[in-house]
Amino acid sequence: MELDKIEDKYLKMGEANQIVFSETLQALAETDKDIIAVTSDSRGSGKLVPFAQKYPKQIVEVGIAEQNLVGVAAGLASAGKKSFAVSPACFLSARALEQIKNDVCYSDNPVTLVGISAGVSYGALGTTHHSLHDFAALRAINNITIVAPADNFETEQAVKLAAKHDKPVYLRFGKKAMPFLSEENQTFQFGKGRVVKEGKDITLIATGETVYPAWLAAKRLEEDHNIKATVVSMHTVKPLDVKLLENLASNNSPIVTVEEHMINGGLGEACASHLFQKGFTNPFKIIGIPDEYTITGSQVEIFNHYGISEVGLYETCKTLLNLKI
């Protein structure tokens, strides 16, 4: 069973996280006139057309001008507004990086930067439209929380928290409909990872839309080999939940990190750096996009090619566990 084939016997299907973002923002704006969406010709792709129709005085369109987008959002935040700057993640985190660094983070303006169609969501549009650098670029900037929700529950909670947060936040959303990963662990807090499956033999730490294939791989390991894997949605890439990370590593079992991002500078390197400096020696593998010209294809095809899939992660775990079956 691959990423695009979800069976009801496992998980309930939800909507794309981008849609949940828009619906949650609409619900917040109904009672809070300080909620302002700022878009860069992206109200359609950001699913904000209904928001604009309901609250035309609470949306600002700057056109295809990401630097202006962030500057305007920072100005609104400095005047007491709760601004959400919405733009494709690839452009938001690259073209407007200086404004993010200076106008938002350095100036301590509580802007929520919303990177839509993140990772390889744009698929066949290719490398120009992939955001495989945003974690690395933004992790290097002080004073910003970086969050990639894995499912609709995490998305709704992240948007609500961002609206109340008094510091800069970067929210990263993809285009694919996502399942609800757990109905048991219904707690969400920035900087605190969410365990969506518990085990003891191996740990998969994933973020964003890669949590689901990690969960599928864990289910398959259990069904085929009685291997119990822990699966963690490390939705907050910065600040990292180092307490949870150390607890997961304490039994010296293998760790696999999974991300829809370049292997350089993302979740995997953040986890590896912390654990190595703390003296942990767990077998460790980072799964993401390698440092090469990325293949062209749909998100599913790209995931499958680079092993960010049920089968790929299943085989990676088997290798780390020295399973010969």
Protein backbone atom coordinates (compact mmCIF):
# COMPACT_ATOMS: atom_id res chain seq x y z
CA MET A 1 0.00 0.00 0.00
CA GLU A 2 1.52 3.29 -1.12
CA LEU A 3 1.08 6.89 -0.03
CA ASP A 4 -1.89 7.65 -2.27
CA LYS A 5 -3.91 4.57 -1.26
CA ILE A 6 -5.58 4.90 2.13
CA GLU A 7 -7.63 2.05 3.55
CA ASP A 8 -10.52 2.83 5.89
CA LYS A 9 -9.53 -0.04 8.17
CA TYR A 10 -6.53 2.01 9.26
CA LEU A 11 -7.30 5.73 9.43
CA LYS A 12 -10.07 8.22 8.74
CA MET A 13 -9.41 10.52 5.81
CA GLY A 14 -9.45 14.27 6.31
CA GLU A 15 -8.89 17.26 4.02
CA ALA A 16 -5.78 18.95 2.74
CA ASN A 17 -4.09 20.87 5.54
CA GLN A 18 -4.29 24.05 3.44
CA ILE A 19 -8.09 23.80 3.45
CA VAL A 20 -8.16 23.31 7.22
CA PHE A 21 -5.88 26.34 7.60
CA SER A 22 -8.35 28.48 5.66
CA GLU A 23 -11.39 27.15 7.53
CA THR A 24 -9.71 27.72 10.90
CA LEU A 25 -8.64 31.24 9.96
CA GLN A 26 -12.21 32.03 8.90
CA ALA A 27 -13.54 30.78 12.23
CA LEU A 28 -11.03 32.94 14.11
CA ALA A 29 -11.76 36.03 12.00
CA GLU A 30 -15.47 35.80 12.76
CA THR A 31 -14.88 36.98 16.30
CA ASP A 32 -11.50 38.70 15.93
CA LYS A 33 -11.32 41.66 13.56
CA ASP A 34 -7.57 41.89 14.10
CA ILE A 35 -7.03 38.73 12.04
CA ILE A 36 -5.63 39.86 8.68
CA ALA A 37 -4.61 37.62 5.77
CA VAL A 38 -1.98 39.02 3.42
CA THR A 39 -1.56 37.23 0.10
CA SER A 40 0.78 37.44 -2.89
CA ASP A 41 -1.62 36.49 -5.69
CA SER A 42 -2.19 33.35 -3.64
CA ARG A 43 -5.70 33.57 -2.22
CA GLY A 44 -6.79 30.84 -4.64
CA SER A 45 -3.92 28.42 -4.03
CA GLY A 46 -4.10 29.24 -0.32
CA LYS A 47 -7.82 28.34 -0.27
CA LEU A 48 -8.62 31.85 0.95
CA VAL A 49 -11.29 32.82 -1.58
CA PRO A 50 -14.09 32.04 0.94
CA PHE A 51 -12.19 34.08 3.57
CA ALA A 52 -12.01 37.06 1.21
CA GLN A 53 -15.71 36.79 0.39
CA LYS A 54 -16.72 36.74 4.06
CA TYR A 55 -14.17 39.24 5.38
CA PRO A 56 -13.14 41.54 2.49
CA LYS A 57 -11.79 44.14 4.93
CA GLN A 58 -9.50 41.56 6.55
CA ILE A 59 -7.48 40.53 3.53
CA VAL A 60 -4.71 42.41 1.71
CA GLU A 61 -3.54 41.41 -1.77
CA VAL A 62 -0.05 42.62 -2.74
CA GLY A 63 0.33 40.71 -6.01
CA ILE A 64 3.34 38.61 -6.93
CA ALA A 65 5.66 40.50 -4.60
CA GLU A 66 6.76 38.31 -1.72
CA GLN A 67 9.09 40.88 -0.21
CA ASN A 68 6.24 43.38 -0.04
CA LEU A 69 4.03 40.63 1.39
CA VAL A 70 6.29 40.14 4.39
CA GLY A 71 6.93 43.86 4.84
CA VAL A 72 3.20 44.66 4.85
CA ALA A 73 2.48 41.77 7.23
CA ALA A 74 5.23 43.01 9.57
CA GLY A 75 3.81 46.53 9.49
CA LEU A 76 0.34 45.28 10.33
CA ALA A 77 1.72 43.18 13.19
CA SER A 78 3.61 46.17 14.57
CA ALA A 79 0.28 48.03 14.65
CA GLY A 80 -1.37 45.29 16.70
CA LYS A 81 -2.91 43.18 13.95
CA LYS A 82 -2.61 39.37 13.84
CA SER A 83 -1.22 39.05 10.35
CA PHE A 84 -0.93 35.82 8.36
CA ALA A 85 1.35 36.18 5.33
CA VAL A 86 0.35 33.48 2.84
CA SER A 87 2.47 32.49 -0.14
CA PRO A 88 3.94 29.37 -1.78
CA ALA A 89 6.64 28.10 0.55
CA CYS A 90 9.30 28.03 -2.16
CA PHE A 91 9.00 31.77 -2.83
CA LEU A 92 8.12 32.94 0.66
CA SER A 93 11.24 31.41 2.22
CA ALA A 94 13.63 32.42 -0.55
CA ARG A 95 12.59 35.66 -2.23
CA ALA A 96 11.52 37.27 1.06
CA LEU A 97 14.24 35.82 3.29
CA GLU A 98 15.79 39.22 4.10
CA GLN A 99 12.40 40.63 5.10
CA ILE A 100 11.69 37.56 7.23
CA LYS A 101 15.05 37.97 8.94
CA ASN A 102 14.91 41.73 9.50
CA ASP A 103 11.29 42.93 9.39
CA VAL A 104 9.80 39.94 11.22
CA CYS A 105 12.35 38.10 13.35
CA TYR A 106 14.94 40.78 14.16
CA SER A 107 12.18 43.34 14.72
CA ASP A 108 10.21 40.80 16.80
CA ASN A 109 6.94 41.27 14.94
CA PRO A 110 4.48 38.42 15.63
CA VAL A 111 3.77 37.58 11.99
CA THR A 112 2.59 34.10 11.05
CA LEU A 113 4.30 33.18 7.80
CA VAL A 114 2.28 30.54 5.97
CA GLY A 115 4.16 28.52 3.38
CA ILE A 116 1.61 26.75 1.19
CA SER A 117 2.15 23.95 -1.37
CA ALA A 118 5.31 23.08 0.53
CA GLY A 119 7.97 20.49 -0.12
CA VAL A 120 7.35 18.85 -3.49
CA SER A 121 3.58 19.50 -3.50
CA TYR A 122 3.86 21.26 -6.85
CA GLY A 123 5.20 18.02 -8.29
CA ALA A 124 5.91 18.24 -12.00
CA LEU A 125 6.41 22.03 -11.91
CA GLY A 126 9.90 21.09 -10.79
CA THR A 127 12.73 22.43 -8.70
CA THR A 128 11.82 26.10 -9.07
CA HIS A 129 8.57 25.35 -7.22
CA HIS A 130 9.92 22.92 -4.62
CA SER A 131 10.61 24.22 -1.11
CA LEU A 132 13.39 21.88 -0.02
CA HIS A 133 15.42 24.64 1.61
CA ASP A 134 12.95 26.39 3.93
CA PHE A 135 13.73 24.48 7.13
CA ALA A 136 17.46 25.02 6.62
CA ALA A 137 17.15 28.72 5.80
CA LEU A 138 14.73 29.57 8.60
CA ARG A 139 16.42 27.40 11.25
CA ALA A 140 19.45 29.66 10.82
CA ILE A 141 17.43 32.72 11.85
CA ASN A 142 16.89 33.59 15.49
CA ASN A 143 13.42 34.17 16.95
CA ILE A 144 11.13 32.03 14.79
CA THR A 145 9.08 28.90 15.48
CA ILE A 146 8.97 26.46 12.54
CA VAL A 147 5.97 24.12 12.34
CA ALA A 148 4.92 21.51 9.75
CA PRO A 149 1.62 19.91 10.85
CA ALA A 150 1.06 16.27 9.91
CA ASP A 151 -2.74 16.10 9.84
CA ASN A 152 -5.90 18.18 10.15
CA PHE A 153 -5.88 18.10 13.95
CA GLU A 154 -2.36 19.47 14.16
CA THR A 155 -3.15 22.08 11.49
CA GLU A 156 -6.19 23.45 13.30
CA GLN A 157 -4.33 23.61 16.60
CA ALA A 158 -1.26 25.21 15.01
CA VAL A 159 -3.31 28.00 13.42
CA LYS A 160 -5.12 28.72 16.67
CA LEU A 161 -1.84 28.81 18.60
CA ALA A 162 -0.19 31.04 16.00
CA ALA A 163 -3.04 33.55 16.30
CA LYS A 164 -2.31 33.85 20.03
CA HIS A 165 1.48 33.63 19.77
CA ASP A 166 3.46 36.82 20.41
CA LYS A 167 6.48 35.73 18.36
CA PRO A 168 7.12 34.98 14.66
CA VAL A 169 5.86 31.61 13.40
CA TYR A 170 6.36 29.75 10.12
CA LEU A 171 3.59 27.27 9.26
CA ARG A 172 4.21 24.82 6.41
CA PHE A 173 1.30 23.15 4.56
CA GLY A 174 0.96 20.75 1.64
CA LYS A 175 -1.80 20.17 -0.89
CA LYS A 176 -2.64 16.51 -0.30
CA ALA A 177 -5.64 15.30 1.72
CA MET A 178 -4.33 13.81 4.95
CA PRO A 179 -5.68 11.16 7.35
CA PHE A 180 -6.24 11.69 11.06
CA LEU A 181 -3.19 9.98 12.55
CA SER A 182 -4.38 9.40 16.10
CA GLU A 183 -7.58 9.88 18.03
CA GLU A 184 -5.85 9.12 21.32
CA ASN A 185 -3.04 11.65 21.49
CA GLN A 186 -5.04 14.85 21.05
CA THR A 187 -2.57 17.28 22.57
CA PHE A 188 -0.66 19.90 20.61
CA GLN A 189 1.88 22.46 21.70
CA PHE A 190 4.63 24.25 19.81
CA GLY A 191 7.96 22.63 20.64
CA LYS A 192 6.43 19.34 21.83
CA GLY A 193 6.45 16.33 19.50
CA ARG A 194 3.36 14.14 19.22
CA VAL A 195 3.70 10.37 19.53
CA VAL A 196 1.14 8.86 17.13
CA LYS A 197 2.26 5.24 17.56
CA GLU A 198 4.20 3.65 20.40
CA GLY A 199 6.80 0.88 20.18
CA LYS A 200 10.21 -0.12 21.49
CA ASP A 201 12.21 -1.65 18.62
CA ILE A 202 12.81 1.32 16.33
CA THR A 203 11.76 4.97 16.15
CA LEU A 204 10.58 6.96 13.15
CA ILE A 205 10.65 10.72 13.66
CA ALA A 206 8.88 12.54 10.83
CA THR A 207 7.38 15.93 10.13
CA GLY A 208 4.55 17.23 7.96
CA GLU A 209 3.16 14.97 5.26
CA THR A 210 5.93 12.39 5.75
CA VAL A 211 4.47 11.27 9.07
CA TYR A 212 1.79 9.24 7.31
CA PRO A 213 4.15 7.02 5.24
CA ALA A 214 6.20 6.54 8.42
CA TRP A 215 3.05 5.39 10.19
CA LEU A 216 2.25 2.98 7.34
CA ALA A 217 5.76 1.54 7.44
CA ALA A 218 5.44 1.00 11.19
CA LYS A 219 2.14 -0.83 10.73
CA ARG A 220 3.70 -3.07 8.11
CA LEU A 221 6.71 -3.88 10.31
CA GLU A 222 4.34 -4.92 13.07
CA GLU A 223 2.14 -7.02 10.80
CA ASP A 224 5.01 -8.73 8.94
CA HIS A 225 7.66 -9.14 11.66
CA ASN A 226 6.05 -8.19 15.00
CA ILE A 227 8.43 -5.21 15.12
CA LYS A 228 7.00 -2.48 17.33
CA ALA A 229 7.95 0.96 16.06
CA THR A 230 7.41 4.33 17.66
CA VAL A 231 6.20 7.01 15.23
CA VAL A 232 6.55 10.66 16.20
CA SER A 233 5.13 13.70 14.49
CA MET A 234 7.90 16.19 15.20
CA HIS A 235 5.70 18.97 13.90
CA THR A 236 7.87 21.68 15.44
CA VAL A 237 11.23 21.61 13.71
CA LYS A 238 12.34 24.62 15.77
CA PRO A 239 12.45 24.64 18.73
CA LEU A 240 13.07 20.91 18.68
CA ASP A 241 11.56 18.76 21.43
CA VAL A 242 14.94 17.66 22.76
CA LYS A 243 13.48 16.09 25.90
CA LEU A 244 11.32 13.74 23.84
CA LEU A 245 14.21 13.11 21.46
CA GLU A 246 16.51 12.06 24.29
CA ASN A 247 13.82 9.83 25.81
CA LEU A 248 13.33 8.11 22.45
CA ALA A 249 17.06 7.52 22.09
CA SER A 250 17.57 6.28 25.65
CA ASN A 251 17.08 2.57 24.80
CA ASN A 252 19.71 2.80 22.03
CA SER A 253 17.28 1.49 19.38
CA PRO A 254 17.67 2.69 15.76
CA ILE A 255 16.25 6.07 14.75
CA VAL A 256 15.01 7.09 11.30
CA THR A 257 14.12 10.71 10.55
CA VAL A 258 11.85 11.52 7.61
CA GLU A 259 11.19 14.87 5.95
CA GLU A 260 9.95 16.44 2.72
CA HIS A 261 13.09 18.54 2.58
CA MET A 262 16.71 18.36 1.54
CA ILE A 263 18.71 16.12 3.87
CA ASN A 264 20.96 19.14 4.52
CA GLY A 265 19.87 21.46 7.29
CA GLY A 266 16.49 19.99 8.13
CA LEU A 267 14.86 17.84 10.79
CA GLY A 268 17.30 14.95 10.47
CA GLU A 269 20.41 17.05 10.92
CA ALA A 270 18.80 18.88 13.85
CA CYS A 271 18.08 15.56 15.60
CA ALA A 272 21.46 14.05 14.76
CA SER A 273 23.37 17.12 15.96
CA HIS A 274 21.62 17.18 19.31
CA LEU A 275 21.93 13.45 19.97
CA PHE A 276 25.58 13.30 18.94
CA GLN A 277 26.49 16.22 21.18
CA LYS A 278 24.69 14.51 24.06
CA GLY A 279 26.70 11.32 23.56
CA PHE A 280 24.03 9.05 22.05
CA THR A 281 25.22 6.39 19.62
CA ASN A 282 21.97 4.99 18.20
CA PRO A 283 22.00 3.67 14.63
CA PHE A 284 20.68 6.67 12.73
CA LYS A 285 19.39 7.34 9.21
CA ILE A 286 18.12 10.57 7.62
CA ILE A 287 15.53 10.09 4.87
CA GLY A 288 14.74 13.09 2.69
CA ILE A 289 15.70 14.55 -0.66
CA PRO A 290 19.42 14.01 -1.37
CA ASP A 291 21.80 16.74 -2.53
CA GLU A 292 21.18 16.27 -6.26
CA TYR A 293 19.00 17.49 -9.11
CA THR A 294 15.54 16.43 -7.95
CA ILE A 295 13.61 14.14 -10.27
CA THR A 296 10.45 15.48 -11.87
CA GLY A 297 7.12 13.87 -11.07
CA SER A 298 4.13 14.01 -8.76
CA GLN A 299 4.61 14.19 -5.00
CA VAL A 300 3.86 10.46 -4.76
CA GLU A 301 6.36 9.62 -7.50
CA ILE A 302 9.06 11.75 -5.89
CA PHE A 303 8.37 10.23 -2.47
CA ASN A 304 8.55 6.72 -3.89
CA HIS A 305 11.79 7.46 -5.76
CA TYR A 306 13.58 8.73 -2.66
CA GLY A 307 12.22 6.14 -0.23
CA ILE A 308 9.84 8.52 1.54
CA SER A 309 7.09 5.92 1.26
CA GLU A 310 5.65 2.98 3.11
CA VAL A 311 7.82 0.52 1.16
CA GLY A 312 10.95 2.66 1.24
CA LEU A 313 10.78 3.31 4.98
CA TYR A 314 9.86 -0.31 5.67
CA GLU A 315 13.03 -1.43 3.86
CA THR A 316 15.14 1.23 5.62
CA CYS A 317 13.93 0.03 9.00
CA LYS A 318 14.59 -3.61 8.10
CA THR A 319 18.16 -2.71 7.13
CA LEU A 320 18.79 -0.85 10.39
CA LEU A 321 17.35 -3.77 12.34
CA ASN A 322 19.42 -6.28 10.34
CA LEU A 323 16.28 -8.14 9.26
CA LYS A 324 17.09 -10.56 6.47
CA ILE A 325 13.50 -11.63 5.76
